[in-house]
C-alpha cells in the first residue's frame, strides 16, 4: 500500500471524518460532508442517502467517455434503488450497500448484502479475496474505452474475521483481536499486490 501511494498521488491534506459515510460523501462529491448533511454513518434502516441532487465523480468520468466500476463497499444509501451505485454513475457494481458485512457470510443486520449490478448474489468466499478477484477480472477484460475503477475493501472493518492461515502468521501476538486485525490488513495488502501485478 505504501509503495502504491509513493508511485501515485497521496491525498495528504484531504480532511475527512473519522467514519465512513461522511468521508465517502466528500470523496465522491468534493464537498465537505457537513455541507451535504451527512455527519454520521448511515444506518441500515435510513431511508436517505447521499443527496440525489449531488453529481458524483463517476458521473463526471462518464461524461468524458469513461466506463465506471465500483467494487466493494458503497454505504451511501441502500433503502431506495435511486441511491444505489448504478443509479449514481457506476456502470458496474460488485459488493455491498451497507456499512459492514460478515466477511464470509456477507450478511448485514440479518440479511444477505452481496450484489452484482443490482441483483443479490449468494457467493462463497472471503470478502477480500472476492473483491480482489473481481478487480483482476475487470483489469484483464477487453476495454473499448478508458475506465475509472474504485475499490473499497470490506476489511479491516468489523467483524474481525480472516483466513486461519493468515491469522496463524500472527500467533506471536497475545491478543486474539490483534491477530485477527493484523491478518485482515495483511490480506488486503496481498490483494493490492495481486492487483498491481495484474
C-alpha atoms as a PDB file:
ATOM      1  CA  UNK A   1       0.000   0.000   0.000  1.00  0.00           C
ATOM      2  CA  UNK A   2       2.827   2.403   0.870  1.00  0.00           C
ATOM      3  CA  UNK A   3       4.549   1.741  -2.458  1.00  0.00           C
ATOM      4  CA  UNK A   4       1.332   2.368  -4.363  1.00  0.00           C
ATOM      5  CA  UNK A   5       0.921   5.724  -2.614  1.00  0.00           C
ATOM      6  CA  UNK A   6       4.548   6.710  -3.276  1.00  0.00           C
ATOM      7  CA  UNK A   7       4.154   5.976  -7.001  1.00  0.00           C
ATOM      8  CA  UNK A   8       0.807   7.718  -7.316  1.00  0.00           C
ATOM      9  CA  UNK A   9      -0.942  10.656  -5.734  1.00  0.00           C
ATOM     10  CA  UNK A  10      -1.269  10.765  -1.977  1.00  0.00           C
ATOM     11  CA  UNK A  11      -4.100  12.922  -0.666  1.00  0.00           C
ATOM     12  CA  UNK A  12      -2.362  14.130   2.478  1.00  0.00           C
ATOM     13  CA  UNK A  13      -4.470  17.243   3.048  1.00  0.00           C
ATOM     14  CA  UNK A  14      -7.834  15.675   2.457  1.00  0.00           C
ATOM     15  CA  UNK A  15      -9.656  16.462   5.660  1.00  0.00           C
ATOM     16  CA  UNK A  16     -12.136  13.735   6.451  1.00  0.00           C
ATOM     17  CA  UNK A  17     -14.394  12.473   9.176  1.00  0.00           C
ATOM     18  CA  UNK A  18     -13.445   9.510  11.291  1.00  0.00           C
ATOM     19  CA  UNK A  19     -16.315   7.448   9.899  1.00  0.00           C
ATOM     20  CA  UNK A  20     -17.162   6.011   6.531  1.00  0.00           C
ATOM     21  CA  UNK A  21     -20.322   7.601   5.096  1.00  0.00           C
ATOM     22  CA  UNK A  22     -19.210  11.220   5.635  1.00  0.00           C
ATOM     23  CA  UNK A  23     -15.756  10.529   4.170  1.00  0.00           C
ATOM     24  CA  UNK A  24     -17.178   8.648   1.159  1.00  0.00           C
ATOM     25  CA  UNK A  25     -19.571  11.526   0.551  1.00  0.00           C
ATOM     26  CA  UNK A  26     -16.708  14.007   0.486  1.00  0.00           C
ATOM     27  CA  UNK A  27     -14.560  11.844  -1.766  1.00  0.00           C
ATOM     28  CA  UNK A  28     -17.271  11.386  -4.385  1.00  0.00           C
ATOM     29  CA  UNK A  29     -18.584  14.967  -4.366  1.00  0.00           C
ATOM     30  CA  UNK A  30     -15.549  17.067  -3.475  1.00  0.00           C
ATOM     31  CA  UNK A  31     -17.652  18.768  -0.793  1.00  0.00           C
ATOM     32  CA  UNK A  32     -17.459  18.801   2.976  1.00  0.00           C
ATOM     33  CA  UNK A  33     -19.721  16.137   4.457  1.00  0.00           C
ATOM     34  CA  UNK A  34     -21.314  18.607   6.846  1.00  0.00           C
ATOM     35  CA  UNK A  35     -22.345  20.707   3.837  1.00  0.00           C
ATOM     36  CA  UNK A  36     -24.059  17.605   2.444  1.00  0.00           C
ATOM     37  CA  UNK A  37     -25.833  16.976   5.759  1.00  0.00           C
ATOM     38  CA  UNK A  38     -24.022  13.692   6.303  1.00  0.00           C
ATOM     39  CA  UNK A  39     -22.230  13.662   9.641  1.00  0.00           C
ATOM     40  CA  UNK A  40     -22.689  10.026  10.721  1.00  0.00           C
ATOM     41  CA  UNK A  41     -22.607   6.602   9.097  1.00  0.00           C
ATOM     42  CA  UNK A  42     -25.949   5.686   7.544  1.00  0.00           C
ATOM     43  CA  UNK A  43     -27.881   3.059   9.459  1.00  0.00           C
ATOM     44  CA  UNK A  44     -29.310   0.129   7.507  1.00  0.00           C
ATOM     45  CA  UNK A  45     -32.856   1.482   8.003  1.00  0.00           C
ATOM     46  CA  UNK A  46     -32.083   5.062   6.992  1.00  0.00           C
ATOM     47  CA  UNK A  47     -34.320   5.915   4.045  1.00  0.00           C
ATOM     48  CA  UNK A  48     -31.985   8.652   2.889  1.00  0.00           C
ATOM     49  CA  UNK A  49     -28.519   8.584   1.375  1.00  0.00           C
ATOM     50  CA  UNK A  50     -26.074  10.898  -0.351  1.00  0.00           C
ATOM     51  CA  UNK A  51     -28.432  13.597  -1.717  1.00  0.00           C
ATOM     52  CA  UNK A  52     -29.661  12.733  -5.191  1.00  0.00           C
ATOM     53  CA  UNK A  53     -29.114  16.352  -6.221  1.00  0.00           C
ATOM     54  CA  UNK A  54     -25.328  15.810  -5.981  1.00  0.00           C
ATOM     55  CA  UNK A  55     -23.318  14.938  -9.063  1.00  0.00           C
ATOM     56  CA  UNK A  56     -20.721  12.293  -8.242  1.00  0.00           C
ATOM     57  CA  UNK A  57     -17.212  11.647  -9.509  1.00  0.00           C
ATOM     58  CA  UNK A  58     -18.195   8.634 -11.677  1.00  0.00           C
ATOM     59  CA  UNK A  59     -20.790  10.786 -13.435  1.00  0.00           C
ATOM     60  CA  UNK A  60     -18.063  13.243 -14.433  1.00  0.00           C
ATOM     61  CA  UNK A  61     -15.933  10.367 -15.736  1.00  0.00           C
ATOM     62  CA  UNK A  62     -18.869   9.013 -17.757  1.00  0.00           C
ATOM     63  CA  UNK A  63     -19.338  12.417 -19.388  1.00  0.00           C
ATOM     64  CA  UNK A  64     -15.748  12.153 -20.616  1.00  0.00           C
ATOM     65  CA  UNK A  65     -16.336   8.733 -22.155  1.00  0.00           C
ATOM     66  CA  UNK A  66     -15.087   6.500 -19.339  1.00  0.00           C
ATOM     67  CA  UNK A  67     -16.521   3.197 -18.197  1.00  0.00           C
ATOM     68  CA  UNK A  68     -17.026   3.259 -14.424  1.00  0.00           C
ATOM     69  CA  UNK A  69     -16.674   0.447 -11.886  1.00  0.00           C
ATOM     70  CA  UNK A  70     -17.231   0.203  -8.158  1.00  0.00           C
ATOM     71  CA  UNK A  71     -16.028  -2.896  -6.358  1.00  0.00           C
ATOM     72  CA  UNK A  72     -16.678  -3.220  -2.623  1.00  0.00           C
ATOM     73  CA  UNK A  73     -18.408  -1.019  -0.096  1.00  0.00           C
ATOM     74  CA  UNK A  74     -20.984   1.626  -1.069  1.00  0.00           C
ATOM     75  CA  UNK A  75     -22.646   2.833   2.194  1.00  0.00           C
ATOM     76  CA  UNK A  76     -24.171   5.946   0.638  1.00  0.00           C
ATOM     77  CA  UNK A  77     -27.804   4.827   0.575  1.00  0.00           C
ATOM     78  CA  UNK A  78     -29.467   1.453   0.276  1.00  0.00           C
ATOM     79  CA  UNK A  79     -33.115   1.796   1.233  1.00  0.00           C
ATOM     80  CA  UNK A  80     -34.215   3.083  -2.199  1.00  0.00           C
ATOM     81  CA  UNK A  81     -32.719   1.995  -5.501  1.00  0.00           C
ATOM     82  CA  UNK A  82     -32.301   5.615  -6.607  1.00  0.00           C
ATOM     83  CA  UNK A  83     -29.367   5.783  -4.184  1.00  0.00           C
ATOM     84  CA  UNK A  84     -27.655   2.618  -5.462  1.00  0.00           C
ATOM     85  CA  UNK A  85     -24.309   2.868  -7.282  1.00  0.00           C
ATOM     86  CA  UNK A  86     -25.614   2.040 -10.759  1.00  0.00           C
ATOM     87  CA  UNK A  87     -28.040   4.965 -10.447  1.00  0.00           C
ATOM     88  CA  UNK A  88     -25.235   7.278  -9.293  1.00  0.00           C
ATOM     89  CA  UNK A  89     -22.821   6.943 -12.203  1.00  0.00           C
ATOM     90  CA  UNK A  90     -21.327   3.464 -11.910  1.00  0.00           C
ATOM     91  CA  UNK A  91     -21.765   1.162 -14.901  1.00  0.00           C
ATOM     92  CA  UNK A  92     -20.754  -1.867 -12.842  1.00  0.00           C
ATOM     93  CA  UNK A  93     -21.116  -2.586  -9.138  1.00  0.00           C
ATOM     94  CA  UNK A  94     -19.959  -5.659  -7.251  1.00  0.00           C
ATOM     95  CA  UNK A  95     -20.006  -5.552  -3.478  1.00  0.00           C
ATOM     96  CA  UNK A  96     -22.333  -4.464  -0.710  1.00  0.00           C
ATOM     97  CA  UNK A  97     -24.562  -1.482   0.043  1.00  0.00           C
ATOM     98  CA  UNK A  98     -24.415  -1.282   3.832  1.00  0.00           C
ATOM     99  CA  UNK A  99     -21.717  -0.283   6.277  1.00  0.00           C
ATOM    100  CA  UNK A 100     -20.284  -3.632   7.219  1.00  0.00           C
ATOM    101  CA  UNK A 101     -20.825  -7.277   6.395  1.00  0.00           C
ATOM    102  CA  UNK A 102     -19.670 -10.627   7.668  1.00  0.00           C
ATOM    103  CA  UNK A 103     -16.546 -11.331   5.649  1.00  0.00           C
ATOM    104  CA  UNK A 104     -17.609 -14.914   4.958  1.00  0.00           C
ATOM    105  CA  UNK A 105     -21.419 -14.902   5.094  1.00  0.00           C
ATOM    106  CA  UNK A 106     -21.831 -11.378   3.576  1.00  0.00           C
ATOM    107  CA  UNK A 107     -24.696 -10.662   5.980  1.00  0.00           C
ATOM    108  CA  UNK A 108     -25.549  -7.290   7.494  1.00  0.00           C
ATOM    109  CA  UNK A 109     -28.300  -6.881  10.081  1.00  0.00           C
ATOM    110  CA  UNK A 110     -29.762 -10.313   9.421  1.00  0.00           C
ATOM    111  CA  UNK A 111     -29.867 -10.093   5.630  1.00  0.00           C
ATOM    112  CA  UNK A 112     -27.573 -11.037   2.780  1.00  0.00           C
ATOM    113  CA  UNK A 113     -25.915  -7.936   1.318  1.00  0.00           C
ATOM    114  CA  UNK A 114     -23.775  -9.038  -1.622  1.00  0.00           C
ATOM    115  CA  UNK A 115     -24.584  -7.722  -5.075  1.00  0.00           C
ATOM    116  CA  UNK A 116     -23.677  -7.773  -8.689  1.00  0.00           C
ATOM    117  CA  UNK A 117     -25.268  -4.927 -10.637  1.00  0.00           C
ATOM    118  CA  UNK A 118     -28.404  -4.630  -8.548  1.00  0.00           C
ATOM    119  CA  UNK A 119     -29.030  -8.320  -8.012  1.00  0.00           C
ATOM    120  CA  UNK A 120     -28.359 -10.065  -4.708  1.00  0.00           C
ATOM    121  CA  UNK A 121     -25.966 -12.970  -5.158  1.00  0.00           C
ATOM    122  CA  UNK A 122     -25.015 -15.718  -2.731  1.00  0.00           C
ATOM    123  CA  UNK A 123     -21.318 -16.348  -3.302  1.00  0.00           C
ATOM    124  CA  UNK A 124     -18.957 -18.280  -1.100  1.00  0.00           C
ATOM    125  CA  UNK A 125     -15.619 -16.829  -0.066  1.00  0.00           C
ATOM    126  CA  UNK A 126     -13.747 -14.300   1.996  1.00  0.00           C
ATOM    127  CA  UNK A 127     -14.748 -10.762   1.034  1.00  0.00           C
ATOM    128  CA  UNK A 128     -11.188  -9.505   0.440  1.00  0.00           C
ATOM    129  CA  UNK A 129     -10.462 -12.392  -1.924  1.00  0.00           C
ATOM    130  CA  UNK A 130     -13.743 -11.997  -3.821  1.00  0.00           C
ATOM    131  CA  UNK A 131     -13.246  -8.245  -4.290  1.00  0.00           C
ATOM    132  CA  UNK A 132      -9.631  -8.702  -5.370  1.00  0.00           C
ATOM    133  CA  UNK A 133     -10.651 -11.323  -7.930  1.00  0.00           C
ATOM    134  CA  UNK A 134     -13.368  -9.057  -9.303  1.00  0.00           C
ATOM    135  CA  UNK A 135     -10.898  -6.213  -9.860  1.00  0.00           C
ATOM    136  CA  UNK A 136      -8.439  -8.576 -11.543  1.00  0.00           C
ATOM    137  CA  UNK A 137     -11.202  -9.838 -13.856  1.00  0.00           C
ATOM    138  CA  UNK A 138     -12.084  -6.255 -14.763  1.00  0.00           C
ATOM    139  CA  UNK A 139      -8.442  -5.391 -15.436  1.00  0.00           C
ATOM    140  CA  UNK A 140      -7.997  -8.468 -17.638  1.00  0.00           C
ATOM    141  CA  UNK A 141     -11.147  -7.859 -19.682  1.00  0.00           C
ATOM    142  CA  UNK A 142     -11.048  -6.029 -23.003  1.00  0.00           C
ATOM    143  CA  UNK A 143     -11.737  -2.321 -22.662  1.00  0.00           C
ATOM    144  CA  UNK A 144     -13.019  -0.252 -25.563  1.00  0.00           C
ATOM    145  CA  UNK A 145     -12.575   2.980 -23.637  1.00  0.00           C
ATOM    146  CA  UNK A 146     -10.727   4.317 -20.607  1.00  0.00           C
ATOM    147  CA  UNK A 147     -12.124   3.372 -17.233  1.00  0.00           C
ATOM    148  CA  UNK A 148     -12.419   4.612 -13.672  1.00  0.00           C
ATOM    149  CA  UNK A 149     -12.379   1.902 -11.008  1.00  0.00           C
ATOM    150  CA  UNK A 150     -12.991   2.472  -7.307  1.00  0.00           C
ATOM    151  CA  UNK A 151     -12.100  -0.381  -4.944  1.00  0.00           C
ATOM    152  CA  UNK A 152     -13.385  -0.259  -1.362  1.00  0.00           C
ATOM    153  CA  UNK A 153     -12.385  -3.326   0.598  1.00  0.00           C
ATOM    154  CA  UNK A 154     -14.628  -4.547   3.415  1.00  0.00           C
ATOM    155  CA  UNK A 155     -11.591  -5.214   5.630  1.00  0.00           C
ATOM    156  CA  UNK A 156     -10.360  -4.328   8.136  1.00  0.00           C
ATOM    157  CA  UNK A 157     -13.886  -3.316   9.143  1.00  0.00           C
ATOM    158  CA  UNK A 158     -15.634  -5.294  11.881  1.00  0.00           C
ATOM    159  CA  UNK A 159     -16.383  -8.117  12.324  1.00  0.00           C
ATOM    160  CA  UNK A 160     -12.824  -9.313  12.795  1.00  0.00           C
ATOM    161  CA  UNK A 161     -12.577 -12.339  10.507  1.00  0.00           C
ATOM    162  CA  UNK A 162      -9.721 -13.694   8.420  1.00  0.00           C
ATOM    163  CA  UNK A 163      -8.482 -16.961   6.923  1.00  0.00           C
ATOM    164  CA  UNK A 164      -6.905 -19.230   9.542  1.00  0.00           C
ATOM    165  CA  UNK A 165      -3.548 -19.365   7.723  1.00  0.00           C
ATOM    166  CA  UNK A 166      -3.374 -15.560   7.782  1.00  0.00           C
ATOM    167  CA  UNK A 167      -4.180 -15.473  11.492  1.00  0.00           C
ATOM    168  CA  UNK A 168      -1.530 -18.120  12.227  1.00  0.00           C
ATOM    169  CA  UNK A 169       1.161 -15.768  10.923  1.00  0.00           C
ATOM    170  CA  UNK A 170       0.445 -13.527  13.937  1.00  0.00           C
ATOM    171  CA  UNK A 171       0.463 -16.215  16.653  1.00  0.00           C
ATOM    172  CA  UNK A 172       3.150 -14.180  18.425  1.00  0.00           C
ATOM    173  CA  UNK A 173       0.564 -11.526  19.319  1.00  0.00           C
ATOM    174  CA  UNK A 174      -1.092 -12.283  22.661  1.00  0.00           C
ATOM    175  CA  UNK A 175      -4.421 -10.631  21.882  1.00  0.00           C
ATOM    176  CA  UNK A 176      -6.713 -12.591  19.524  1.00  0.00           C
ATOM    177  CA  UNK A 177      -8.367  -9.434  18.185  1.00  0.00           C
ATOM    178  CA  UNK A 178      -4.948  -8.005  17.301  1.00  0.00           C
ATOM    179  CA  UNK A 179      -4.112 -11.236  15.476  1.00  0.00           C
ATOM    180  CA  UNK A 180      -7.364 -11.022  13.512  1.00  0.00           C
ATOM    181  CA  UNK A 181      -6.914  -7.353  12.668  1.00  0.00           C
ATOM    182  CA  UNK A 182      -3.322  -7.865  11.522  1.00  0.00           C
ATOM    183  CA  UNK A 183      -4.386 -10.817   9.376  1.00  0.00           C
ATOM    184  CA  UNK A 184      -7.169  -8.764   7.778  1.00  0.00           C
ATOM    185  CA  UNK A 185      -4.770  -5.945   6.901  1.00  0.00           C
ATOM    186  CA  UNK A 186      -2.277  -8.445   5.504  1.00  0.00           C
ATOM    187  CA  UNK A 187      -4.944  -9.984   3.251  1.00  0.00           C
ATOM    188  CA  UNK A 188      -5.817  -6.513   1.918  1.00  0.00           C
ATOM    189  CA  UNK A 189      -2.145  -5.814   1.275  1.00  0.00           C
ATOM    190  CA  UNK A 190      -1.774  -9.138  -0.571  1.00  0.00           C
ATOM    191  CA  UNK A 191      -4.855  -8.304  -2.627  1.00  0.00           C
ATOM    192  CA  UNK A 192      -3.456  -4.934  -3.620  1.00  0.00           C
ATOM    193  CA  UNK A 193      -0.173  -6.599  -4.596  1.00  0.00           C
ATOM    194  CA  UNK A 194      -2.069  -9.034  -6.856  1.00  0.00           C
ATOM    195  CA  UNK A 195      -3.922  -6.123  -8.453  1.00  0.00           C
ATOM    196  CA  UNK A 196      -0.692  -4.160  -9.040  1.00  0.00           C
ATOM    197  CA  UNK A 197       0.933  -7.245 -10.554  1.00  0.00           C
ATOM    198  CA  UNK A 198      -2.073  -7.715 -12.865  1.00  0.00           C
END
